[in-house]
Amino acid sequence: MSPQEILEHASKVVPTVGIATVYRTVRALVEQGEIVAVELPGEPPRYERAGKDHHHHFMCESCGRAFDIDACPGDLAHMTPKGYTLRRHEITLYGLCDACVDDS
């Protein structure tokens, strides 16, 4: 979730919560190892629970929400240039989420 998404959800429970409180809480949770930053190309960081198994993300091009994809194509070393060593990979899929598909 982005800090703005966190604020939107939190304000349903605590209407007076502000974005500064969200950022302070996010920073504290990152420092405690409870959440980790998710870097999606061209986007500000989002955050998810720490300790998840390796996974990828789907980004809705309409609403901007990101979703976990609990799958991986596996070893991509065969795509690495000759003489290079692959250490990790991140894959982001782009399209429309189910809510945005229904709206179109």
N, C-alpha and C. Protein backbone atom coordinates (compact mmCIF):
# COMPACT_ATOMS: atom_id res chain seq x y z
N MET A 1 0.83 -1.18 0.00
CA MET A 1 0.00 0.00 0.00
C MET A 1 0.88 1.25 0.00
N SER A 2 0.40 2.28 -0.63
CA SER A 2 1.09 3.57 -0.60
C SER A 2 0.70 4.29 0.69
N PRO A 3 1.49 5.27 1.11
CA PRO A 3 1.09 6.05 2.29
C PRO A 3 -0.31 6.65 2.14
N GLN A 4 -0.68 7.08 0.95
CA GLN A 4 -2.02 7.64 0.74
C GLN A 4 -3.09 6.57 0.93
N GLU A 5 -2.84 5.36 0.42
CA GLU A 5 -3.79 4.26 0.61
C GLU A 5 -3.92 3.91 2.09
N ILE A 6 -2.80 3.93 2.80
CA ILE A 6 -2.83 3.67 4.25
C ILE A 6 -3.67 4.73 4.94
N LEU A 7 -3.46 5.99 4.57
CA LEU A 7 -4.24 7.08 5.15
C LEU A 7 -5.73 6.89 4.91
N GLU A 8 -6.10 6.54 3.68
CA GLU A 8 -7.51 6.34 3.35
C GLU A 8 -8.15 5.25 4.21
N HIS A 9 -7.44 4.15 4.40
CA HIS A 9 -7.97 3.06 5.23
C HIS A 9 -7.99 3.45 6.71
N ALA A 10 -6.91 4.06 7.18
CA ALA A 10 -6.83 4.44 8.60
C ALA A 10 -7.88 5.48 8.97
N SER A 11 -8.16 6.41 8.07
CA SER A 11 -9.11 7.48 8.39
C SER A 11 -10.55 6.96 8.53
N LYS A 12 -10.81 5.75 8.05
CA LYS A 12 -12.13 5.14 8.26
C LYS A 12 -12.30 4.73 9.73
N VAL A 13 -11.17 4.44 10.38
CA VAL A 13 -11.20 4.04 11.79
C VAL A 13 -10.94 5.24 12.69
N VAL A 14 -9.97 6.07 12.30
CA VAL A 14 -9.60 7.26 13.05
C VAL A 14 -9.67 8.45 12.10
N PRO A 15 -10.83 9.11 12.02
CA PRO A 15 -11.01 10.18 11.03
C PRO A 15 -10.01 11.33 11.13
N THR A 16 -9.42 11.53 12.28
CA THR A 16 -8.50 12.67 12.46
C THR A 16 -7.05 12.34 12.15
N VAL A 17 -6.76 11.11 11.74
CA VAL A 17 -5.37 10.74 11.44
C VAL A 17 -4.87 11.56 10.26
N GLY A 18 -3.60 11.95 10.31
CA GLY A 18 -3.01 12.76 9.25
C GLY A 18 -1.90 12.02 8.53
N ILE A 19 -1.50 12.55 7.40
CA ILE A 19 -0.46 11.91 6.59
C ILE A 19 0.88 11.88 7.32
N ALA A 20 1.17 12.89 8.15
CA ALA A 20 2.43 12.89 8.91
C ALA A 20 2.47 11.69 9.86
N THR A 21 1.35 11.38 10.48
CA THR A 21 1.28 10.22 11.37
C THR A 21 1.51 8.93 10.58
N VAL A 22 0.95 8.86 9.39
CA VAL A 22 1.15 7.68 8.54
C VAL A 22 2.63 7.52 8.22
N TYR A 23 3.29 8.60 7.81
CA TYR A 23 4.72 8.51 7.47
C TYR A 23 5.56 8.13 8.68
N ARG A 24 5.26 8.68 9.85
CA ARG A 24 6.02 8.32 11.06
C ARG A 24 5.82 6.84 11.39
N THR A 25 4.59 6.38 11.27
CA THR A 25 4.30 4.98 11.58
C THR A 25 4.96 4.06 10.57
N VAL A 26 4.90 4.40 9.30
CA VAL A 26 5.56 3.60 8.27
C VAL A 26 7.06 3.52 8.55
N ARG A 27 7.69 4.66 8.84
CA ARG A 27 9.13 4.67 9.13
C ARG A 27 9.45 3.76 10.32
N ALA A 28 8.64 3.85 11.39
CA ALA A 28 8.87 3.02 12.57
C ALA A 28 8.70 1.53 12.24
N LEU A 29 7.68 1.19 11.46
CA LEU A 29 7.46 -0.21 11.11
C LEU A 29 8.56 -0.76 10.22
N VAL A 30 9.10 0.07 9.32
CA VAL A 30 10.25 -0.35 8.50
C VAL A 30 11.46 -0.59 9.40
N GLU A 31 11.72 0.33 10.32
CA GLU A 31 12.87 0.20 11.22
C GLU A 31 12.74 -1.04 12.10
N GLN A 32 11.52 -1.41 12.48
CA GLN A 32 11.28 -2.59 13.31
C GLN A 32 11.27 -3.88 12.49
N GLY A 33 11.33 -3.76 11.17
CA GLY A 33 11.32 -4.94 10.30
C GLY A 33 9.95 -5.55 10.11
N GLU A 34 8.90 -4.81 10.43
CA GLU A 34 7.53 -5.32 10.28
C GLU A 34 7.03 -5.20 8.85
N ILE A 35 7.46 -4.16 8.14
CA ILE A 35 7.07 -3.95 6.75
C ILE A 35 8.32 -3.64 5.93
N VAL A 36 8.20 -3.80 4.62
CA VAL A 36 9.30 -3.49 3.71
C VAL A 36 8.78 -2.64 2.56
N ALA A 37 9.67 -1.86 2.00
CA ALA A 37 9.31 -1.04 0.84
C ALA A 37 9.24 -1.91 -0.40
N VAL A 38 8.26 -1.63 -1.24
CA VAL A 38 8.12 -2.29 -2.54
C VAL A 38 8.37 -1.21 -3.59
N GLU A 39 9.39 -1.40 -4.40
CA GLU A 39 9.74 -0.44 -5.43
C GLU A 39 9.17 -0.90 -6.77
N LEU A 40 8.21 -0.16 -7.28
CA LEU A 40 7.65 -0.45 -8.60
C LEU A 40 8.15 0.63 -9.56
N PRO A 41 8.53 0.26 -10.78
CA PRO A 41 9.10 1.22 -11.72
C PRO A 41 8.23 2.47 -11.90
N GLY A 42 8.85 3.63 -11.72
CA GLY A 42 8.18 4.90 -11.95
C GLY A 42 7.18 5.29 -10.88
N GLU A 43 7.17 4.60 -9.75
CA GLU A 43 6.22 4.85 -8.69
C GLU A 43 6.94 5.14 -7.38
N PRO A 44 6.30 5.93 -6.50
CA PRO A 44 6.88 6.09 -5.16
C PRO A 44 6.77 4.76 -4.40
N PRO A 45 7.57 4.58 -3.37
CA PRO A 45 7.53 3.30 -2.64
C PRO A 45 6.15 3.00 -2.07
N ARG A 46 5.84 1.73 -2.06
CA ARG A 46 4.66 1.20 -1.39
C ARG A 46 5.19 0.25 -0.32
N TYR A 47 4.34 -0.21 0.54
CA TYR A 47 4.80 -1.02 1.67
C TYR A 47 3.93 -2.25 1.82
N GLU A 48 4.59 -3.34 2.22
CA GLU A 48 3.87 -4.57 2.49
C GLU A 48 4.51 -5.26 3.69
N ARG A 49 3.78 -6.22 4.23
CA ARG A 49 4.25 -6.97 5.39
C ARG A 49 5.60 -7.65 5.06
N ALA A 50 6.50 -7.61 5.98
CA ALA A 50 7.81 -8.25 5.81
C ALA A 50 7.66 -9.76 5.94
N GLY A 51 8.61 -10.47 5.38
CA GLY A 51 8.67 -11.92 5.54
C GLY A 51 7.89 -12.72 4.52
N LYS A 52 7.33 -12.06 3.54
CA LYS A 52 6.60 -12.81 2.50
C LYS A 52 7.59 -13.58 1.64
N ASP A 53 7.13 -14.68 1.09
CA ASP A 53 7.95 -15.43 0.14
C ASP A 53 8.12 -14.58 -1.12
N HIS A 54 9.12 -14.95 -1.92
CA HIS A 54 9.38 -14.26 -3.18
C HIS A 54 8.10 -14.20 -4.01
N HIS A 55 7.77 -13.03 -4.51
CA HIS A 55 6.58 -12.85 -5.33
C HIS A 55 6.73 -11.61 -6.20
N HIS A 56 5.77 -11.40 -7.07
CA HIS A 56 5.79 -10.27 -7.98
C HIS A 56 4.52 -9.45 -7.82
N HIS A 57 4.35 -8.43 -8.66
CA HIS A 57 3.22 -7.52 -8.49
C HIS A 57 2.50 -7.23 -9.80
N PHE A 58 1.23 -6.91 -9.67
CA PHE A 58 0.37 -6.46 -10.76
C PHE A 58 -0.04 -5.04 -10.45
N MET A 59 0.13 -4.14 -11.41
CA MET A 59 -0.19 -2.72 -11.22
C MET A 59 -1.35 -2.35 -12.13
N CYS A 60 -2.44 -1.85 -11.53
CA CYS A 60 -3.59 -1.43 -12.33
C CYS A 60 -3.29 -0.07 -12.95
N GLU A 61 -3.39 0.01 -14.25
CA GLU A 61 -3.10 1.24 -14.98
C GLU A 61 -4.20 2.28 -14.85
N SER A 62 -5.35 1.88 -14.33
CA SER A 62 -6.45 2.82 -14.19
C SER A 62 -6.50 3.43 -12.79
N CYS A 63 -6.58 2.60 -11.75
CA CYS A 63 -6.70 3.11 -10.38
C CYS A 63 -5.36 3.25 -9.67
N GLY A 64 -4.31 2.64 -10.20
CA GLY A 64 -2.98 2.76 -9.61
C GLY A 64 -2.70 1.82 -8.45
N ARG A 65 -3.65 0.95 -8.12
CA ARG A 65 -3.40 0.01 -7.02
C ARG A 65 -2.45 -1.09 -7.48
N ALA A 66 -1.71 -1.63 -6.53
CA ALA A 66 -0.79 -2.73 -6.80
C ALA A 66 -1.27 -3.96 -6.04
N PHE A 67 -1.11 -5.11 -6.65
CA PHE A 67 -1.57 -6.37 -6.08
C PHE A 67 -0.43 -7.38 -6.12
N ASP A 68 -0.38 -8.23 -5.11
CA ASP A 68 0.59 -9.32 -5.10
C ASP A 68 0.22 -10.37 -6.12
N ILE A 69 1.22 -10.93 -6.75
CA ILE A 69 1.06 -12.11 -7.60
C ILE A 69 1.85 -13.21 -6.90
N ASP A 70 1.17 -14.20 -6.42
CA ASP A 70 1.82 -15.27 -5.68
C ASP A 70 2.31 -16.35 -6.62
N ALA A 71 3.11 -15.93 -7.58
CA ALA A 71 3.68 -16.87 -8.55
C ALA A 71 4.97 -16.26 -9.10
N CYS A 72 5.77 -17.10 -9.67
CA CYS A 72 7.04 -16.66 -10.25
C CYS A 72 7.37 -17.61 -11.40
N PRO A 73 7.88 -17.06 -12.51
CA PRO A 73 8.23 -17.94 -13.62
C PRO A 73 9.44 -18.81 -13.33
N GLY A 74 10.12 -18.56 -12.23
CA GLY A 74 11.25 -19.42 -11.86
C GLY A 74 12.59 -18.84 -12.27
N ASP A 75 13.52 -19.72 -12.50
CA ASP A 75 14.89 -19.33 -12.80
C ASP A 75 14.98 -18.64 -14.15
N LEU A 76 15.41 -17.40 -14.14
CA LEU A 76 15.54 -16.63 -15.37
C LEU A 76 17.00 -16.48 -15.81
N ALA A 77 17.87 -17.28 -15.25
CA ALA A 77 19.29 -17.18 -15.57
C ALA A 77 19.57 -17.38 -17.05
N HIS A 78 18.73 -18.14 -17.72
CA HIS A 78 18.94 -18.38 -19.16
C HIS A 78 18.78 -17.09 -19.98
N MET A 79 18.18 -16.06 -19.40
CA MET A 79 18.00 -14.78 -20.09
C MET A 79 19.16 -13.81 -19.83
N THR A 80 20.04 -14.17 -18.92
CA THR A 80 21.16 -13.31 -18.55
C THR A 80 22.24 -13.36 -19.62
N PRO A 81 22.82 -12.21 -19.98
CA PRO A 81 23.89 -12.22 -20.98
C PRO A 81 25.04 -13.15 -20.57
N LYS A 82 25.69 -13.72 -21.56
CA LYS A 82 26.79 -14.66 -21.32
C LYS A 82 27.86 -13.99 -20.45
N GLY A 83 28.29 -14.69 -19.43
CA GLY A 83 29.32 -14.20 -18.53
C GLY A 83 28.78 -13.41 -17.35
N TYR A 84 27.49 -13.14 -17.34
CA TYR A 84 26.86 -12.39 -16.24
C TYR A 84 26.27 -13.36 -15.23
N THR A 85 26.07 -12.90 -14.02
CA THR A 85 25.44 -13.70 -12.98
C THR A 85 24.17 -13.02 -12.49
N LEU A 86 23.07 -13.72 -12.60
CA LEU A 86 21.79 -13.21 -12.12
C LEU A 86 21.71 -13.40 -10.61
N ARG A 87 21.40 -12.33 -9.90
CA ARG A 87 21.31 -12.40 -8.44
C ARG A 87 19.86 -12.32 -7.95
N ARG A 88 19.02 -11.60 -8.65
CA ARG A 88 17.61 -11.50 -8.26
C ARG A 88 16.82 -10.93 -9.42
N HIS A 89 15.50 -10.95 -9.32
CA HIS A 89 14.66 -10.35 -10.35
C HIS A 89 13.37 -9.85 -9.72
N GLU A 90 12.79 -8.87 -10.36
CA GLU A 90 11.49 -8.32 -9.99
C GLU A 90 10.67 -8.22 -11.26
N ILE A 91 9.44 -8.65 -11.20
CA ILE A 91 8.56 -8.58 -12.36
C ILE A 91 7.30 -7.83 -11.97
N THR A 92 6.91 -6.86 -12.78
CA THR A 92 5.67 -6.13 -12.57
C THR A 92 4.82 -6.28 -13.81
N LEU A 93 3.61 -6.77 -13.62
CA LEU A 93 2.64 -6.88 -14.71
C LEU A 93 1.73 -5.66 -14.66
N TYR A 94 1.28 -5.19 -15.82
CA TYR A 94 0.42 -4.01 -15.90
C TYR A 94 -0.86 -4.34 -16.65
N GLY A 95 -1.95 -3.77 -16.19
CA GLY A 95 -3.24 -3.99 -16.84
C GLY A 95 -4.33 -3.34 -16.02
N LEU A 96 -5.53 -3.92 -16.02
CA LEU A 96 -6.65 -3.40 -15.27
C LEU A 96 -7.07 -4.42 -14.20
N CYS A 97 -7.29 -3.93 -12.98
CA CYS A 97 -7.80 -4.80 -11.93
C CYS A 97 -9.25 -5.13 -12.19
N ASP A 98 -9.80 -6.07 -11.44
CA ASP A 98 -11.18 -6.50 -11.68
C ASP A 98 -12.19 -5.36 -11.51
N ALA A 99 -11.97 -4.48 -10.54
CA ALA A 99 -12.90 -3.35 -10.34
C ALA A 99 -12.87 -2.39 -11.52
N CYS A 100 -11.69 -2.14 -12.05
CA CYS A 100 -11.57 -1.22 -13.18
C CYS A 100 -12.08 -1.84 -14.48
N VAL A 101 -11.92 -3.14 -14.62
CA VAL A 101 -12.48 -3.83 -15.79
C VAL A 101 -14.00 -3.70 -15.77
N ASP A 102 -14.60 -3.87 -14.57
CA ASP A 102 -16.07 -3.76 -14.44
C ASP A 102 -16.56 -2.37 -14.73
N ASP A 103 -15.73 -1.34 -14.47
CA ASP A 103 -16.12 0.06 -14.70
C ASP A 103 -16.01 0.46 -16.17
N SER A 104 -15.28 -0.33 -16.96
CA SER A 104 -15.07 0.07 -18.36
C SER A 104 -16.10 -0.51 -19.30
